[in-house]
N, C-alpha and C. Protein backbone atom coordinates (compact mmCIF):
# COMPACT_ATOMS: atom_id res chain seq x y z
N MET A 1 9.87 -10.92 -0.67
CA MET A 1 9.44 -9.88 0.23
C MET A 1 8.37 -10.41 1.19
N PRO A 2 8.68 -11.42 1.98
CA PRO A 2 7.68 -11.98 2.89
C PRO A 2 7.37 -11.08 4.08
N GLY A 3 8.27 -10.14 4.41
CA GLY A 3 8.01 -9.23 5.52
C GLY A 3 6.85 -8.29 5.25
N PHE A 4 6.43 -8.20 4.00
CA PHE A 4 5.30 -7.37 3.62
C PHE A 4 4.02 -7.83 4.32
N PHE A 5 3.90 -9.10 4.62
CA PHE A 5 2.67 -9.64 5.19
C PHE A 5 2.57 -9.49 6.71
N ILE A 6 3.66 -9.16 7.37
CA ILE A 6 3.63 -9.05 8.84
C ILE A 6 2.63 -7.99 9.32
N PRO A 7 2.58 -6.79 8.73
CA PRO A 7 1.55 -5.84 9.20
C PRO A 7 0.12 -6.34 8.96
N PHE A 8 -0.10 -7.07 7.88
CA PHE A 8 -1.42 -7.64 7.64
C PHE A 8 -1.79 -8.65 8.73
N TYR A 9 -0.84 -9.50 9.11
CA TYR A 9 -1.11 -10.48 10.16
C TYR A 9 -1.28 -9.79 11.52
N ALA A 10 -0.51 -8.73 11.76
CA ALA A 10 -0.68 -7.98 13.01
C ALA A 10 -2.05 -7.32 13.07
N LEU A 11 -2.50 -6.77 11.96
CA LEU A 11 -3.83 -6.17 11.91
C LEU A 11 -4.92 -7.23 12.10
N THR A 12 -4.73 -8.39 11.51
CA THR A 12 -5.68 -9.49 11.69
C THR A 12 -5.76 -9.90 13.16
N ALA A 13 -4.61 -9.99 13.81
CA ALA A 13 -4.58 -10.36 15.23
C ALA A 13 -5.24 -9.28 16.08
N LEU A 14 -5.01 -8.02 15.75
CA LEU A 14 -5.60 -6.93 16.52
C LEU A 14 -7.12 -6.88 16.36
N VAL A 15 -7.60 -7.06 15.16
CA VAL A 15 -9.06 -7.10 14.94
C VAL A 15 -9.67 -8.29 15.67
N GLY A 16 -8.98 -9.42 15.62
CA GLY A 16 -9.46 -10.59 16.35
C GLY A 16 -9.49 -10.36 17.85
N LEU A 17 -8.49 -9.65 18.36
CA LEU A 17 -8.45 -9.36 19.80
C LEU A 17 -9.61 -8.45 20.21
N PHE A 18 -9.88 -7.43 19.40
CA PHE A 18 -11.02 -6.55 19.69
C PHE A 18 -12.35 -7.30 19.57
N THR A 19 -12.45 -8.20 18.59
CA THR A 19 -13.66 -9.00 18.44
C THR A 19 -13.84 -9.91 19.65
N PHE A 20 -12.76 -10.52 20.10
CA PHE A 20 -12.82 -11.39 21.27
C PHE A 20 -13.25 -10.62 22.51
N ALA A 21 -12.78 -9.39 22.65
CA ALA A 21 -13.11 -8.60 23.84
C ALA A 21 -14.55 -8.10 23.81
N ALA A 22 -15.09 -7.85 22.62
CA ALA A 22 -16.41 -7.22 22.53
C ALA A 22 -17.56 -8.20 22.38
N ALA A 23 -17.27 -9.44 21.99
CA ALA A 23 -18.35 -10.36 21.64
C ALA A 23 -18.47 -11.49 22.66
N ASP A 24 -19.61 -12.14 22.62
CA ASP A 24 -19.87 -13.31 23.44
C ASP A 24 -20.15 -14.51 22.55
N GLY A 25 -19.97 -15.69 23.10
CA GLY A 25 -20.33 -16.91 22.39
C GLY A 25 -19.42 -17.22 21.23
N TYR A 26 -20.04 -17.62 20.14
CA TYR A 26 -19.29 -18.10 18.98
C TYR A 26 -18.46 -16.99 18.32
N LEU A 27 -18.96 -15.78 18.33
CA LEU A 27 -18.20 -14.68 17.73
C LEU A 27 -16.94 -14.38 18.54
N GLY A 28 -17.03 -14.50 19.86
CA GLY A 28 -15.84 -14.34 20.69
C GLY A 28 -14.82 -15.43 20.43
N PHE A 29 -15.30 -16.65 20.22
CA PHE A 29 -14.40 -17.77 19.88
C PHE A 29 -13.73 -17.53 18.53
N PHE A 30 -14.50 -17.00 17.58
CA PHE A 30 -13.94 -16.66 16.28
C PHE A 30 -12.86 -15.59 16.42
N GLY A 31 -13.08 -14.60 17.26
CA GLY A 31 -12.07 -13.56 17.50
C GLY A 31 -10.81 -14.13 18.10
N ALA A 32 -10.95 -15.09 19.02
CA ALA A 32 -9.78 -15.73 19.61
C ALA A 32 -9.00 -16.52 18.56
N LEU A 33 -9.71 -17.23 17.71
CA LEU A 33 -9.04 -17.97 16.63
C LEU A 33 -8.37 -17.04 15.64
N MET A 34 -9.01 -15.91 15.36
CA MET A 34 -8.43 -14.94 14.45
C MET A 34 -7.14 -14.35 15.02
N THR A 35 -7.14 -14.08 16.32
CA THR A 35 -5.94 -13.58 16.99
C THR A 35 -4.84 -14.62 16.93
N LEU A 36 -5.17 -15.85 17.23
CA LEU A 36 -4.19 -16.93 17.19
C LEU A 36 -3.63 -17.10 15.78
N PHE A 37 -4.48 -17.03 14.78
CA PHE A 37 -4.04 -17.13 13.39
C PHE A 37 -3.05 -16.03 13.04
N GLY A 38 -3.37 -14.79 13.38
CA GLY A 38 -2.49 -13.67 13.06
C GLY A 38 -1.14 -13.79 13.73
N VAL A 39 -1.13 -14.19 14.99
CA VAL A 39 0.13 -14.31 15.73
C VAL A 39 0.98 -15.45 15.16
N LEU A 40 0.37 -16.59 14.92
CA LEU A 40 1.13 -17.74 14.42
C LEU A 40 1.64 -17.51 13.00
N MET A 41 0.87 -16.85 12.16
CA MET A 41 1.33 -16.58 10.81
C MET A 41 2.49 -15.59 10.80
N ALA A 42 2.43 -14.56 11.64
CA ALA A 42 3.55 -13.60 11.73
C ALA A 42 4.79 -14.31 12.27
N TYR A 43 4.62 -15.17 13.26
CA TYR A 43 5.74 -15.95 13.78
C TYR A 43 6.33 -16.84 12.68
N GLY A 44 5.48 -17.44 11.87
CA GLY A 44 5.95 -18.29 10.78
C GLY A 44 6.76 -17.53 9.74
N VAL A 45 6.35 -16.29 9.45
CA VAL A 45 7.10 -15.46 8.50
C VAL A 45 8.50 -15.17 9.04
N VAL A 46 8.57 -14.78 10.29
CA VAL A 46 9.86 -14.48 10.91
C VAL A 46 10.72 -15.73 10.99
N LYS A 47 10.13 -16.85 11.36
CA LYS A 47 10.88 -18.11 11.47
C LYS A 47 11.44 -18.55 10.12
N ARG A 48 10.62 -18.47 9.08
CA ARG A 48 11.10 -18.85 7.75
C ARG A 48 12.24 -17.94 7.27
N HIS A 49 12.14 -16.67 7.61
CA HIS A 49 13.21 -15.74 7.23
C HIS A 49 14.53 -16.14 7.89
N TYR A 50 14.50 -16.38 9.19
CA TYR A 50 15.74 -16.72 9.89
C TYR A 50 16.23 -18.12 9.54
N ASP A 51 15.33 -19.05 9.25
CA ASP A 51 15.74 -20.37 8.79
C ASP A 51 16.45 -20.28 7.45
N ALA A 52 15.93 -19.48 6.54
CA ALA A 52 16.58 -19.30 5.24
C ALA A 52 17.92 -18.61 5.38
N GLN A 53 17.98 -17.63 6.26
CA GLN A 53 19.23 -16.92 6.49
C GLN A 53 20.26 -17.85 7.12
N ASP A 54 19.83 -18.70 8.04
CA ASP A 54 20.74 -19.63 8.70
C ASP A 54 21.23 -20.70 7.72
N SER A 55 20.35 -21.18 6.86
CA SER A 55 20.76 -22.24 5.93
C SER A 55 21.70 -21.71 4.85
N SER A 56 21.57 -20.44 4.49
CA SER A 56 22.47 -19.88 3.49
C SER A 56 23.84 -19.57 4.08
N ALA A 57 23.92 -19.43 5.40
CA ALA A 57 25.19 -19.15 6.05
C ALA A 57 26.07 -20.38 6.16
N HIS A 58 25.46 -21.55 6.08
CA HIS A 58 26.25 -22.80 6.24
C HIS A 58 26.61 -23.37 4.92
């Protein structure tokens, strides 16, 4: 059930985006990294799902 984590990663990215918009300096950089982390992890979950589905089809 890896799709369970997608809303968690989306929420992480959203909180990071709000942090990036509201903060200056190092905290803003942390918010940008948090957004990037959330987006890339959600992408990884979707990619692994379709890779597994594609490999089982062959």
